[in-house]
PDB file of N, CA and C in Angstrom:
ATOM      1  N   MET A   1      30.946 227.101 403.613  1.00  0.00           N
ATOM      2  CA  MET A   1      31.034 227.207 402.159  1.00  0.00           C
ATOM      3  C   MET A   1      32.482 227.306 401.680  1.00  0.00           C
ATOM      4  N   LEU A   2      33.305 228.061 402.406  1.00  0.00           N
ATOM      5  CA  LEU A   2      34.667 228.334 401.942  1.00  0.00           C
ATOM      6  C   LEU A   2      35.743 227.609 402.733  1.00  0.00           C
ATOM      7  N   SER A   3      35.374 226.650 403.545  1.00  0.00           N
ATOM      8  CA  SER A   3      36.413 225.922 404.273  1.00  0.00           C
ATOM      9  C   SER A   3      36.022 224.458 404.373  1.00  0.00           C
ATOM     10  N   GLY A   4      37.026 223.641 404.514  1.00  0.00           N
ATOM     11  CA  GLY A   4      36.804 222.210 404.634  1.00  0.00           C
ATOM     12  C   GLY A   4      37.855 221.632 405.545  1.00  0.00           C
ATOM     13  N   THR A   5      38.051 220.342 405.418  1.00  0.00           N
ATOM     14  CA  THR A   5      39.040 219.678 406.253  1.00  0.00           C
ATOM     15  C   THR A   5      39.644 218.509 405.490  1.00  0.00           C
ATOM     16  N   THR A   6      40.684 217.949 406.037  1.00  0.00           N
ATOM     17  CA  THR A   6      41.298 216.742 405.513  1.00  0.00           C
ATOM     18  C   THR A   6      41.136 215.649 406.554  1.00  0.00           C
ATOM     19  N   ALA A   7      41.386 214.410 406.161  1.00  0.00           N
ATOM     20  CA  ALA A   7      41.264 213.315 407.122  1.00  0.00           C
ATOM     21  C   ALA A   7      42.134 212.147 406.697  1.00  0.00           C
ATOM     22  N   THR A   8      42.684 211.477 407.682  1.00  0.00           N
ATOM     23  CA  THR A   8      43.422 210.241 407.466  1.00  0.00           C
ATOM     24  C   THR A   8      43.008 209.265 408.559  1.00  0.00           C
ATOM     25  N   VAL A   9      42.640 208.049 408.151  1.00  0.00           N
ATOM     26  CA  VAL A   9      42.220 207.024 409.094  1.00  0.00           C
ATOM     27  C   VAL A   9      43.050 205.774 408.831  1.00  0.00           C
ATOM     28  N   ALA A  10      43.585 205.185 409.883  1.00  0.00           N
ATOM     29  CA  ALA A  10      44.340 203.941 409.769  1.00  0.00           C
ATOM     30  C   ALA A  10      43.660 202.884 410.643  1.00  0.00           C
ATOM     31  N   VAL A  11      43.471 201.700 410.076  1.00  0.00           N
ATOM     32  CA  VAL A  11      42.824 200.603 410.788  1.00  0.00           C
ATOM     33  C   VAL A  11      43.650 199.342 410.583  1.00  0.00           C
ATOM     34  N   ILE A  12      43.904 198.623 411.662  1.00  0.00           N
ATOM     35  CA  ILE A  12      44.559 197.320 411.556  1.00  0.00           C
ATOM     36  C   ILE A  12      43.485 196.261 411.730  1.00  0.00           C
ATOM     37  N   CYS A  13      43.397 195.358 410.755  1.00  0.00           N
ATOM     38  CA  CYS A  13      42.395 194.293 410.783  1.00  0.00           C
ATOM     39  C   CYS A  13      43.057 193.001 410.323  1.00  0.00           C
ATOM     40  N   GLU A  14      43.089 192.025 411.208  1.00  0.00           N
ATOM     41  CA  GLU A  14      43.697 190.728 410.918  1.00  0.00           C
ATOM     42  C   GLU A  14      45.118 190.876 410.353  1.00  0.00           C
ATOM     43  N   LYS A  15      45.944 191.647 411.048  1.00  0.00           N
ATOM     44  CA  LYS A  15      47.352 191.871 410.721  1.00  0.00           C
ATOM     45  C   LYS A  15      47.565 192.622 409.410  1.00  0.00           C
ATOM     46  N   LYS A  16      46.534 193.269 408.890  1.00  0.00           N
ATOM     47  CA  LYS A  16      46.665 194.109 407.699  1.00  0.00           C
ATOM     48  C   LYS A  16      46.370 195.547 408.094  1.00  0.00           C
ATOM     49  N   LEU A  17      47.135 196.475 407.533  1.00  0.00           N
ATOM     50  CA  LEU A  17      46.960 197.892 407.793  1.00  0.00           C
ATOM     51  C   LEU A  17      46.233 198.526 406.606  1.00  0.00           C
ATOM     52  N   PHE A  18      45.116 199.176 406.882  1.00  0.00           N
ATOM     53  CA  PHE A  18      44.340 199.874 405.857  1.00  0.00           C
ATOM     54  C   PHE A  18      44.387 201.368 406.177  1.00  0.00           C
ATOM     55  N   ILE A  19      44.656 202.160 405.162  1.00  0.00           N
ATOM     56  CA  ILE A  19      44.702 203.606 405.334  1.00  0.00           C
ATOM     57  C   ILE A  19      43.793 204.237 404.302  1.00  0.00           C
ATOM     58  N   SER A  20      42.972 205.151 404.757  1.00  0.00           N
ATOM     59  CA  SER A  20      42.081 205.913 403.889  1.00  0.00           C
ATOM     60  C   SER A  20      42.350 207.375 404.167  1.00  0.00           C
ATOM     61  N   HIS A  21      42.490 208.168 403.095  1.00  0.00           N
ATOM     62  CA  HIS A  21      42.784 209.580 403.343  1.00  0.00           C
ATOM     63  C   HIS A  21      42.205 210.481 402.260  1.00  0.00           C
ATOM     64  N   VAL A  22      41.970 211.722 402.664  1.00  0.00           N
ATOM     65  CA  VAL A  22      41.488 212.787 401.790  1.00  0.00           C
ATOM     66  C   VAL A  22      42.310 214.025 402.117  1.00  0.00           C
ATOM     67  N   GLY A  23      42.926 214.618 401.114  1.00  0.00           N
ATOM     68  CA  GLY A  23      43.653 215.869 401.315  1.00  0.00           C
ATOM     69  C   GLY A  23      45.130 215.674 401.550  1.00  0.00           C
ATOM     70  N   ASP A  24      45.682 216.480 402.449  1.00  0.00           N
ATOM     71  CA  ASP A  24      47.126 216.425 402.677  1.00  0.00           C
ATOM     72  C   ASP A  24      47.489 216.103 404.121  1.00  0.00           C
ATOM     73  N   SER A  25      46.625 215.352 404.782  1.00  0.00           N
ATOM     74  CA  SER A  25      46.959 214.813 406.104  1.00  0.00           C
ATOM     75  C   SER A  25      47.649 213.483 405.863  1.00  0.00           C
ATOM     76  N   ARG A  26      48.936 213.472 406.012  1.00  0.00           N
ATOM     77  CA  ARG A  26      49.747 212.325 405.618  1.00  0.00           C
ATOM     78  C   ARG A  26      49.883 211.297 406.724  1.00  0.00           C
ATOM     79  N   ALA A  27      49.857 210.024 406.344  1.00  0.00           N
ATOM     80  CA  ALA A  27      50.120 208.934 407.285  1.00  0.00           C
ATOM     81  C   ALA A  27      51.579 208.508 407.130  1.00  0.00           C
ATOM     82  N   VAL A  28      52.286 208.453 408.243  1.00  0.00           N
ATOM     83  CA  VAL A  28      53.695 208.062 408.241  1.00  0.00           C
ATOM     84  C   VAL A  28      53.891 207.007 409.320  1.00  0.00           C
ATOM     85  N   LEU A  29      54.570 205.923 408.964  1.00  0.00           N
ATOM     86  CA  LEU A  29      54.866 204.855 409.909  1.00  0.00           C
ATOM     87  C   LEU A  29      56.328 204.958 410.326  1.00  0.00           C
ATOM     88  N   GLY A  30      56.567 204.919 411.618  1.00  0.00           N
ATOM     89  CA  GLY A  30      57.944 204.901 412.103  1.00  0.00           C
ATOM     90  C   GLY A  30      58.392 203.458 412.282  1.00  0.00           C
ATOM     91  N   PHE A  31      59.575 203.133 411.750  1.00  0.00           N
ATOM     92  CA  PHE A  31      60.106 201.784 411.916  1.00  0.00           C
ATOM     93  C   PHE A  31      61.564 201.859 412.342  1.00  0.00           C
ATOM     94  N   ILE A  32      61.998 200.826 413.022  1.00  0.00           N
ATOM     95  CA  ILE A  32      63.363 200.812 413.542  1.00  0.00           C
ATOM     96  C   ILE A  32      64.273 200.109 412.545  1.00  0.00           C
ATOM     97  N   GLU A  33      65.357 200.808 412.226  1.00  0.00           N
ATOM     98  CA  GLU A  33      66.394 200.253 411.354  1.00  0.00           C
ATOM     99  C   GLU A  33      67.727 200.478 412.051  1.00  0.00           C
ATOM    100  N   GLY A  34      68.313 199.401 412.528  1.00  0.00           N
ATOM    101  CA  GLY A  34      69.531 199.538 413.322  1.00  0.00           C
ATOM    102  C   GLY A  34      69.211 200.235 414.631  1.00  0.00           C
ATOM    103  N   ASN A  35      69.892 201.351 414.877  1.00  0.00           N
ATOM    104  CA  ASN A  35      69.654 202.135 416.088  1.00  0.00           C
ATOM    105  C   ASN A  35      68.812 203.379 415.823  1.00  0.00           C
ATOM    106  N   GLU A  36      68.206 203.455 414.660  1.00  0.00           N
ATOM    107  CA  GLU A  36      67.453 204.649 414.293  1.00  0.00           C
ATOM    108  C   GLU A  36      65.979 204.347 414.038  1.00  0.00           C
ATOM    109  N   VAL A  37      65.144 205.333 414.311  1.00  0.00           N
ATOM    110  CA  VAL A  37      63.741 205.270 413.916  1.00  0.00           C
ATOM    111  C   VAL A  37      63.626 206.041 412.607  1.00  0.00           C
ATOM    112  N   LYS A  38      63.129 205.373 411.588  1.00  0.00           N
ATOM    113  CA  LYS A  38      63.023 205.988 410.264  1.00  0.00           C
ATOM    114  C   LYS A  38      61.560 206.079 409.850  1.00  0.00           C
ATOM    115  N   PRO A  39      61.234 207.082 409.010  1.00  0.00           N
ATOM    116  CA  PRO A  39      59.851 207.237 408.563  1.00  0.00           C
ATOM    117  C   PRO A  39      59.585 206.495 407.260  1.00  0.00           C
ATOM    118  N   ARG A  40      58.371 205.998 407.123  1.00  0.00           N
ATOM    119  CA  ARG A  40      57.912 205.447 405.847  1.00  0.00           C
ATOM    120  C   ARG A  40      56.565 206.094 405.543  1.00  0.00           C
ATOM    121  N   VAL A  41      56.518 206.881 404.486  1.00  0.00           N
ATOM    122  CA  VAL A  41      55.286 207.556 404.085  1.00  0.00           C
ATOM    123  C   VAL A  41      54.339 206.511 403.504  1.00  0.00           C
ATOM    124  N   LEU A  42      53.096 206.498 403.985  1.00  0.00           N
ATOM    125  CA  LEU A  42      52.135 205.465 403.598  1.00  0.00           C
ATOM    126  C   LEU A  42      51.081 205.932 402.608  1.00  0.00           C
ATOM    127  N   CYS A  43      51.002 207.224 402.362  1.00  0.00           N
ATOM    128  CA  CYS A  43      50.047 207.730 401.369  1.00  0.00           C
ATOM    129  C   CYS A  43      50.579 209.042 400.792  1.00  0.00           C
ATOM    130  N   ARG A  44      50.063 209.401 399.636  1.00  0.00           N
ATOM    131  CA  ARG A  44      50.521 210.631 398.989  1.00  0.00           C
ATOM    132  C   ARG A  44      49.512 211.752 399.226  1.00  0.00           C
ATOM    133  N   ASP A  45      50.011 212.947 399.320  1.00  0.00           N
ATOM    134  CA  ASP A  45      49.123 214.104 399.453  1.00  0.00           C
ATOM    135  C   ASP A  45      48.324 214.268 398.167  1.00  0.00           C
ATOM    136  N   HIS A  46      47.097 214.717 398.291  1.00  0.00           N
ATOM    137  CA  HIS A  46      46.257 214.989 397.122  1.00  0.00           C
ATOM    138  C   HIS A  46      46.531 216.419 396.649  1.00  0.00           C
ATOM    139  N   LYS A  47      47.451 216.546 395.733  1.00  0.00           N
ATOM    140  CA  LYS A  47      47.865 217.847 395.220  1.00  0.00           C
ATOM    141  C   LYS A  47      47.312 218.070 393.816  1.00  0.00           C
ATOM    142  N   PRO A  48      46.964 219.293 393.478  1.00  0.00           N
ATOM    143  CA  PRO A  48      46.392 219.578 392.163  1.00  0.00           C
ATOM    144  C   PRO A  48      47.381 219.421 391.014  1.00  0.00           C
ATOM    145  N   THR A  49      48.649 219.272 391.314  1.00  0.00           N
ATOM    146  CA  THR A  49      49.653 219.098 390.254  1.00  0.00           C
ATOM    147  C   THR A  49      49.756 217.652 389.780  1.00  0.00           C
ATOM    148  N   HIS A  50      49.173 216.690 390.500  1.00  0.00           N
ATOM    149  CA  HIS A  50      49.174 215.299 390.037  1.00  0.00           C
ATOM    150  C   HIS A  50      48.287 215.200 388.803  1.00  0.00           C
ATOM    151  N   SER A  51      48.732 214.456 387.834  1.00  0.00           N
ATOM    152  CA  SER A  51      48.089 214.401 386.517  1.00  0.00           C
ATOM    153  C   SER A  51      46.584 214.147 386.556  1.00  0.00           C
ATOM    154  N   GLY A  52      46.138 213.076 387.186  1.00  0.00           N
ATOM    155  CA  GLY A  52      44.713 212.749 387.225  1.00  0.00           C
ATOM    156  C   GLY A  52      43.893 213.793 387.965  1.00  0.00           C
ATOM    157  N   GLU A  53      44.468 214.341 389.022  1.00  0.00           N
ATOM    158  CA  GLU A  53      43.775 215.372 389.793  1.00  0.00           C
ATOM    159  C   GLU A  53      43.619 216.638 388.946  1.00  0.00           C
ATOM    160  N   ARG A  54      44.688 217.034 388.269  1.00  0.00           N
ATOM    161  CA  ARG A  54      44.660 218.235 387.424  1.00  0.00           C
ATOM    162  C   ARG A  54      43.640 218.097 386.295  1.00  0.00           C
ATOM    163  N   LYS A  55      43.583 216.913 385.685  1.00  0.00           N
ATOM    164  CA  LYS A  55      42.630 216.673 384.588  1.00  0.00           C
ATOM    165  C   LYS A  55      41.192 216.814 385.067  1.00  0.00           C
ATOM    166  N   ARG A  56      40.887 216.241 386.235  1.00  0.00           N
ATOM    167  CA  ARG A  56      39.531 216.337 386.782  1.00  0.00           C
ATOM    168  C   ARG A  56      39.155 217.788 387.050  1.00  0.00           C
ATOM    169  N   ILE A  57      40.082 218.544 387.605  1.00  0.00           N
ATOM    170  CA  ILE A  57      39.836 219.947 387.931  1.00  0.00           C
ATOM    171  C   ILE A  57      39.603 220.758 386.659  1.00  0.00           C
ATOM    172  N   ALA A  58      40.437 220.549 385.652  1.00  0.00           N
ATOM    173  CA  ALA A  58      40.284 221.269 384.373  1.00  0.00           C
ATOM    174  C   ALA A  58      38.946 220.933 383.714  1.00  0.00           C
ATOM    175  N   LYS A  59      38.555 219.676 383.779  1.00  0.00           N
ATOM    176  CA  LYS A  59      37.289 219.241 383.178  1.00  0.00           C
ATOM    177  C   LYS A  59      36.088 219.937 383.832  1.00  0.00           C
ATOM    178  N   LYS A  60      36.203 220.261 385.118  1.00  0.00           N
ATOM    179  CA  LYS A  60      35.123 220.927 385.856  1.00  0.00           C
ATOM    180  C   LYS A  60      35.212 222.458 385.764  1.00  0.00           C
ATOM    181  N   GLY A  61      36.169 222.969 384.983  1.00  0.00           N
ATOM    182  CA  GLY A  61      36.284 224.417 384.818  1.00  0.00           C
ATOM    183  C   GLY A  61      37.218 225.096 385.798  1.00  0.00           C
ATOM    184  N   GLY A  62      37.946 224.301 386.557  1.00  0.00           N
ATOM    185  CA  GLY A  62      38.901 224.870 387.506  1.00  0.00           C
ATOM    186  C   GLY A  62      40.234 225.150 386.844  1.00  0.00           C
ATOM    187  N   GLN A  63      41.051 225.889 387.535  1.00  0.00           N
ATOM    188  CA  GLN A  63      42.381 226.248 387.037  1.00  0.00           C
ATOM    189  C   GLN A  63      43.391 225.978 388.146  1.00  0.00           C
ATOM    190  N   VAL A  64      44.499 225.323 387.794  1.00  0.00           N
ATOM    191  CA  VAL A  64      45.584 225.080 388.742  1.00  0.00           C
ATOM    192  C   VAL A  64      46.695 226.052 388.384  1.00  0.00           C
ATOM    193  N   ARG A  65      47.052 226.885 389.344  1.00  0.00           N
ATOM    194  CA  ARG A  65      48.127 227.845 389.070  1.00  0.00           C
ATOM    195  C   ARG A  65      48.901 228.164 390.345  1.00  0.00           C
ATOM    196  N   LYS A  66      50.106 228.656 390.121  1.00  0.00           N
ATOM    197  CA  LYS A  66      50.971 229.080 391.211  1.00  0.00           C
ATOM    198  C   LYS A  66      51.203 230.574 391.038  1.00  0.00           C
ATOM    199  N   ASP A  67      50.671 231.361 391.941  1.00  0.00           N
ATOM    200  CA  ASP A  67      50.843 232.806 391.859  1.00  0.00           C
ATOM    201  C   ASP A  67      52.260 233.191 392.261  1.00  0.00           C
ATOM    202  N   GLN A  68      52.650 234.392 391.912  1.00  0.00           N
ATOM    203  CA  GLN A  68      54.027 234.857 392.085  1.00  0.00           C
ATOM    204  C   GLN A  68      54.560 234.692 393.506  1.00  0.00           C
ATOM    205  N   ASP A  69      53.795 235.049 394.494  1.00  0.00           N
ATOM    206  CA  ASP A  69      54.271 234.991 395.885  1.00  0.00           C
ATOM    207  C   ASP A  69      53.906 233.700 396.603  1.00  0.00           C
ATOM    208  N   ASP A  70      53.343 232.745 395.873  1.00  0.00           N
ATOM    209  CA  ASP A  70      52.888 231.496 396.485  1.00  0.00           C
ATOM    210  C   ASP A  70      53.992 230.448 396.498  1.00  0.00           C
ATOM    211  N   LEU A  71      53.940 229.558 397.482  1.00  0.00           N
ATOM    212  CA  LEU A  71      54.889 228.452 397.563  1.00  0.00           C
ATOM    213  C   LEU A  71      54.376 227.198 396.859  1.00  0.00           C
ATOM    214  N   CYS A  72      53.062 227.109 396.646  1.00  0.00           N
ATOM    215  CA  CYS A  72      52.501 225.896 396.060  1.00  0.00           C
ATOM    216  C   CYS A  72      51.418 226.253 395.046  1.00  0.00           C
ATOM    217  N   HIS A  73      51.084 225.267 394.220  1.00  0.00           N
ATOM    218  CA  HIS A  73      49.993 225.423 393.259  1.00  0.00           C
ATOM    219  C   HIS A  73      48.664 225.368 394.000  1.00  0.00           C
ATOM    220  N   ARG A  74      47.700 226.136 393.497  1.00  0.00           N
ATOM    221  CA  ARG A  74      46.386 226.199 394.115  1.00  0.00           C
ATOM    222  C   ARG A  74      45.304 226.064 393.046  1.00  0.00           C
ATOM    223  N   ILE A  75      44.107 225.739 393.498  1.00  0.00           N
ATOM    224  CA  ILE A  75      42.965 225.560 392.605  1.00  0.00           C
ATOM    225  C   ILE A  75      42.079 226.792 392.684  1.00  0.00           C
ATOM    226  N   TYR A  76      41.714 227.302 391.499  1.00  0.00           N
ATOM    227  CA  TYR A  76      40.864 228.486 391.412  1.00  0.00           C
ATOM    228  C   TYR A  76      39.756 228.258 390.396  1.00  0.00           C
ATOM    229  N   HIS A  77      38.680 229.032 390.532  1.00  0.00           N
ATOM    230  CA  HIS A  77      37.732 229.166 389.431  1.00  0.00           C
ATOM    231  C   HIS A  77      38.518 229.874 388.332  1.00  0.00           C
ATOM    232  N   ARG A  78      38.343 229.461 387.107  1.00  0.00           N
ATOM    233  CA  ARG A  78      39.098 230.043 385.997  1.00  0.00           C
ATOM    234  C   ARG A  78      38.959 231.567 385.985  1.00  0.00           C
ATOM    235  N   GLY A  79      40.116 232.253 386.114  1.00  0.00           N
ATOM    236  CA  GLY A  79      40.152 233.704 386.080  1.00  0.00           C
ATOM    237  C   GLY A  79      39.705 234.397 387.361  1.00  0.00           C
ATOM    238  N   LYS A  80      39.461 233.656 388.423  1.00  0.00           N
ATOM    239  CA  LYS A  80      38.981 234.233 389.689  1.00  0.00           C
ATOM    240  C   LYS A  80      40.036 234.053 390.783  1.00  0.00           C
ATOM    241  N   PRO A  81      39.952 234.838 391.857  1.00  0.00           N
ATOM    242  CA  PRO A  81      40.920 234.707 392.955  1.00  0.00           C
ATOM    243  C   PRO A  81      40.499 233.736 394.056  1.00  0.00           C
ATOM    244  N   TYR A  82      39.540 232.876 393.794  1.00  0.00           N
ATOM    245  CA  TYR A  82      39.066 231.931 394.798  1.00  0.00           C
ATOM    246  C   TYR A  82      38.786 230.594 394.154  1.00  0.00           C
ATOM    247  N   PRO A  83      38.728 229.475 394.829  1.00  0.00           N
ATOM    248  CA  PRO A  83      38.881 229.340 396.272  1.00  0.00           C
ATOM    249  C   PRO A  83      40.328 229.343 396.755  1.00  0.00           C
ATOM    250  N   GLY A  84      41.309 229.059 395.905  1.00  0.00           N
ATOM    251  CA  GLY A  84      42.709 229.106 396.333  1.00  0.00           C
ATOM    252  C   GLY A  84      43.139 227.927 397.185  1.00  0.00           C
ATOM    253  N   LEU A  85      42.499 226.788 396.997  1.00  0.00           N
ATOM    254  CA  LEU A  85      42.804 225.597 397.790  1.00  0.00           C
ATOM    255  C   LEU A  85      44.056 224.911 397.249  1.00  0.00           C
ATOM    256  N   ASN A  86      44.957 224.485 398.128  1.00  0.00           N
ATOM    257  CA  ASN A  86      46.203 223.861 397.676  1.00  0.00           C
ATOM    258  C   ASN A  86      46.176 222.334 397.718  1.00  0.00           C
ATOM    259  N   MET A  87      44.992 221.756 397.791  1.00  0.00           N
ATOM    260  CA  MET A  87      44.859 220.303 397.696  1.00  0.00           C
ATOM    261  C   MET A  87      43.658 219.990 396.811  1.00  0.00           C
ATOM    262  N   SER A  88      43.700 218.832 396.173  1.00  0.00           N
ATOM    263  CA  SER A  88      42.671 218.482 395.196  1.00  0.00           C
ATOM    264  C   SER A  88      41.540 217.647 395.774  1.00  0.00           C
ATOM    265  N   ARG A  89      41.656 217.278 397.049  1.00  0.00           N
ATOM    266  CA  ARG A  89      40.578 216.554 397.727  1.00  0.00           C
ATOM    267  C   ARG A  89      40.400 217.164 399.109  1.00  0.00           C
ATOM    268  N   SER A  90      39.159 217.334 399.494  1.00  0.00           N
ATOM    269  CA  SER A  90      38.832 217.963 400.763  1.00  0.00           C
ATOM    270  C   SER A  90      37.416 217.559 401.148  1.00  0.00           C
ATOM    271  N   ILE A  91      37.120 217.624 402.422  1.00  0.00           N
ATOM    272  CA  ILE A  91      35.778 217.310 402.911  1.00  0.00           C
ATOM    273  C   ILE A  91      35.107 218.616 403.331  1.00  0.00           C
ATOM    274  N   GLY A  92      33.994 218.948 402.690  1.00  0.00           N
ATOM    275  CA  GLY A  92      33.175 220.051 403.153  1.00  0.00           C
ATOM    276  C   GLY A  92      33.372 221.403 402.494  1.00  0.00           C
ATOM    277  N   ASP A  93      34.333 221.575 401.608  1.00  0.00           N
ATOM    278  CA  ASP A  93      34.551 222.868 400.944  1.00  0.00           C
ATOM    279  C   ASP A  93      33.629 222.951 399.733  1.00  0.00           C
ATOM    280  N   LEU A  94      32.461 223.529 399.913  1.00  0.00           N
ATOM    281  CA  LEU A  94      31.427 223.528 398.883  1.00  0.00           C
ATOM    282  C   LEU A  94      31.794 224.370 397.664  1.00  0.00           C
ATOM    283  N   VAL A  95      32.506 225.467 397.845  1.00  0.00           N
ATOM    284  CA  VAL A  95      32.925 226.284 396.708  1.00  0.00           C
ATOM    285  C   VAL A  95      33.933 225.522 395.854  1.00  0.00           C
ATOM    286  N   ALA A  96      34.858 224.846 396.491  1.00  0.00           N
ATOM    287  CA  ALA A  96      35.893 224.113 395.751  1.00  0.00           C
ATOM    288  C   ALA A  96      35.326 222.913 394.988  1.00  0.00           C
ATOM    289  N   THR A  97      34.237 222.316 395.480  1.00  0.00           N
ATOM    290  CA  THR A  97      33.667 221.169 394.761  1.00  0.00           C
ATOM    291  C   THR A  97      33.147 221.573 393.384  1.00  0.00           C
ATOM    292  N   SER A  98      32.790 222.828 393.211  1.00  0.00           N
ATOM    293  CA  SER A  98      32.288 223.277 391.908  1.00  0.00           C
ATOM    294  C   SER A  98      33.382 223.331 390.850  1.00  0.00           C
ATOM    295  N   VAL A  99      34.654 223.244 391.253  1.00  0.00           N
ATOM    296  CA  VAL A  99      35.759 223.235 390.290  1.00  0.00           C
ATOM    297  C   VAL A  99      36.571 221.941 390.377  1.00  0.00           C
ATOM    298  N   GLY A 100      35.934 220.857 390.802  1.00  0.00           N
ATOM    299  CA  GLY A 100      36.561 219.545 390.715  1.00  0.00           C
ATOM    300  C   GLY A 100      37.215 218.997 391.956  1.00  0.00           C
ATOM    301  N   VAL A 101      37.211 219.714 393.056  1.00  0.00           N
ATOM    302  CA  VAL A 101      37.739 219.175 394.305  1.00  0.00           C
ATOM    303  C   VAL A 101      36.707 218.162 394.800  1.00  0.00           C
ATOM    304  N   ILE A 102      37.179 216.954 395.132  1.00  0.00           N
ATOM    305  CA  ILE A 102      36.274 215.887 395.562  1.00  0.00           C
ATOM    306  C   ILE A 102      36.609 215.448 396.983  1.00  0.00           C
ATOM    307  N   SER A 103      35.669 214.718 397.585  1.00  0.00           N
ATOM    308  CA  SER A 103      35.879 214.220 398.943  1.00  0.00           C
ATOM    309  C   SER A 103      36.094 212.708 398.958  1.00  0.00           C
ATOM    310  N   GLN A 104      36.228 212.094 397.803  1.00  0.00           N
ATOM    311  CA  GLN A 104      36.420 210.643 397.739  1.00  0.00           C
ATOM    312  C   GLN A 104      37.825 210.276 398.236  1.00  0.00           C
ATOM    313  N   PRO A 105      37.911 209.421 399.232  1.00  0.00           N
ATOM    314  CA  PRO A 105      39.231 209.053 399.760  1.00  0.00           C
ATOM    315  C   PRO A 105      39.943 208.038 398.867  1.00  0.00           C
ATOM    316  N   GLU A 106      41.238 207.989 399.011  1.00  0.00           N
ATOM    317  CA  GLU A 106      42.027 206.877 398.473  1.00  0.00           C
ATOM    318  C   GLU A 106      42.215 205.912 399.623  1.00  0.00           C
ATOM    319  N   VAL A 107      42.182 204.618 399.328  1.00  0.00           N
ATOM    320  CA  VAL A 107      42.367 203.588 400.346  1.00  0.00           C
ATOM    321  C   VAL A 107      43.586 202.770 399.984  1.00  0.00           C
TER     322      VAL A 107
END
């Protein structure tokens, strides 16, 4: 009820790379530039501070806030100390789904 998971899947099909993800499990591709291996981020984390994510959460009665001792914004039931999730998409967190957290991946 109070915990879930994130997921990132990468598939190569006919020389095309497809990435599907939920949450904050990031896909990063390493590529060689000169004598260095450099990172290229392939997807964005699902954070509650992103405009569309925040709107969905607010519409469902959730609240996005950053508490005094916190490093990141979290999702709560309005006026409650839970669920406190720091991502706007997750798989399996049933309490968080009631305040707009979804499991639909971005591809």
